[in-house]
Amino acid sequence: MLKDLLNYVLHACKAGLEDPDDDVRAVAAEALIPAAASLVRLNDQMLHSIVMLLWDILLDLDDLSPSTSRYVQSCFPHLVNTLFA
């Protein structure tokens, strides 16, 4: 059941992460925080896809964007800590 529910949520979050607007990507990244542990446990292709999207966003972020600090401080470290815990 968890995998089915995550499929719906993750596709929406992935679409948000692919949005060109920094604020939309930041909100999508924050929405992933509660699901990070479950996402890592599933360990499927969606995990790889989301990690690669998050990494690409980090590479493309504008240092002056208001969503930069929110994204960097909240989502990416949490996901990395979950992956390597």
Protein backbone atom coordinates (compact mmCIF):
# COMPACT_ATOMS: atom_id res chain seq x y z
CA MET A 1 0.00 0.00 0.00
CA LEU A 2 2.84 2.41 0.83
CA LYS A 3 4.42 1.89 -2.56
CA ASP A 4 1.11 2.59 -4.34
CA LEU A 5 0.52 5.76 -2.34
CA LEU A 6 4.09 6.96 -2.86
CA ASN A 7 3.76 6.46 -6.60
CA TYR A 8 1.02 9.10 -6.74
CA VAL A 9 2.86 11.53 -4.49
CA LEU A 10 6.29 11.03 -6.04
CA HIS A 11 5.10 11.66 -9.57
CA ALA A 12 3.62 14.98 -8.44
CA CYS A 13 6.79 15.90 -6.55
CA LYS A 14 8.93 14.90 -9.51
CA ALA A 15 6.87 17.16 -11.76
CA GLY A 16 7.43 20.00 -9.27
CA LEU A 17 11.17 19.33 -9.19
CA GLU A 18 11.26 19.59 -12.97
CA ASP A 19 9.50 22.97 -12.99
CA PRO A 20 11.65 25.90 -14.15
CA ASP A 21 10.51 28.11 -11.24
CA ASP A 22 12.84 27.96 -8.19
CA ASP A 23 9.97 28.43 -5.75
CA VAL A 24 8.00 25.50 -7.20
CA ARG A 25 11.08 23.27 -7.02
CA ALA A 26 11.72 24.33 -3.42
CA VAL A 27 8.16 23.44 -2.37
CA ALA A 28 8.35 20.10 -4.19
CA ALA A 29 11.66 19.35 -2.47
CA GLU A 30 10.23 20.21 0.94
CA ALA A 31 7.25 17.94 0.26
CA LEU A 32 9.68 15.03 -0.11
CA ILE A 33 11.12 15.41 3.39
CA PRO A 34 8.47 13.34 5.24
CA ALA A 35 8.74 10.60 2.60
CA ALA A 36 12.56 10.45 2.46
CA ALA A 37 12.95 7.36 4.65
CA SER A 38 10.20 5.48 2.83
CA LEU A 39 11.63 6.48 -0.52
CA VAL A 40 15.05 5.13 0.43
CA ARG A 41 13.51 1.87 1.70
CA LEU A 42 11.76 1.30 -1.62
CA ASN A 43 15.11 1.75 -3.39
CA ASP A 44 13.78 1.62 -6.92
CA GLN A 45 14.31 3.64 -10.09
CA MET A 46 12.22 6.51 -8.71
CA LEU A 47 14.78 7.03 -5.92
CA HIS A 48 17.60 7.34 -8.44
CA SER A 49 15.55 9.70 -10.58
CA ILE A 50 14.69 11.98 -7.64
CA VAL A 51 18.25 12.05 -6.32
CA MET A 52 19.51 13.01 -9.77
CA LEU A 53 16.87 15.75 -10.05
CA LEU A 54 17.82 17.11 -6.62
CA TRP A 55 21.49 17.09 -7.58
CA ASP A 56 20.76 18.89 -10.87
CA ILE A 57 18.74 21.51 -8.99
CA LEU A 58 21.68 22.13 -6.68
CA LEU A 59 23.90 22.70 -9.69
CA ASP A 60 21.41 25.13 -11.27
CA LEU A 61 20.39 27.16 -8.22
CA ASP A 62 21.02 30.87 -8.30
CA ASP A 63 22.89 31.96 -5.16
CA LEU A 64 20.62 34.97 -4.81
CA SER A 65 17.34 33.09 -5.12
CA PRO A 66 15.21 33.20 -1.94
CA SER A 67 14.38 29.53 -2.38
CA THR A 68 18.04 28.51 -2.51
CA SER A 69 18.67 28.56 1.21
CA ARG A 70 15.30 26.97 1.98
CA TYR A 71 16.03 24.12 -0.41
CA VAL A 72 19.65 23.57 0.58
CA GLN A 73 18.93 23.73 4.31
CA SER A 74 15.92 21.46 4.35
CA CYS A 75 15.55 18.83 1.67
CA PHE A 76 18.86 17.75 0.21
CA PRO A 77 20.74 17.22 3.51
CA HIS A 78 17.79 15.29 4.92
CA LEU A 79 17.68 12.96 1.93
CA VAL A 80 21.46 12.46 1.93
CA ASN A 81 21.45 11.70 5.67
CA THR A 82 18.69 9.18 5.14
CA LEU A 83 20.54 7.54 2.28
CA PHE A 84 23.79 7.16 4.19
CA ALA A 85 22.42 6.48 7.68
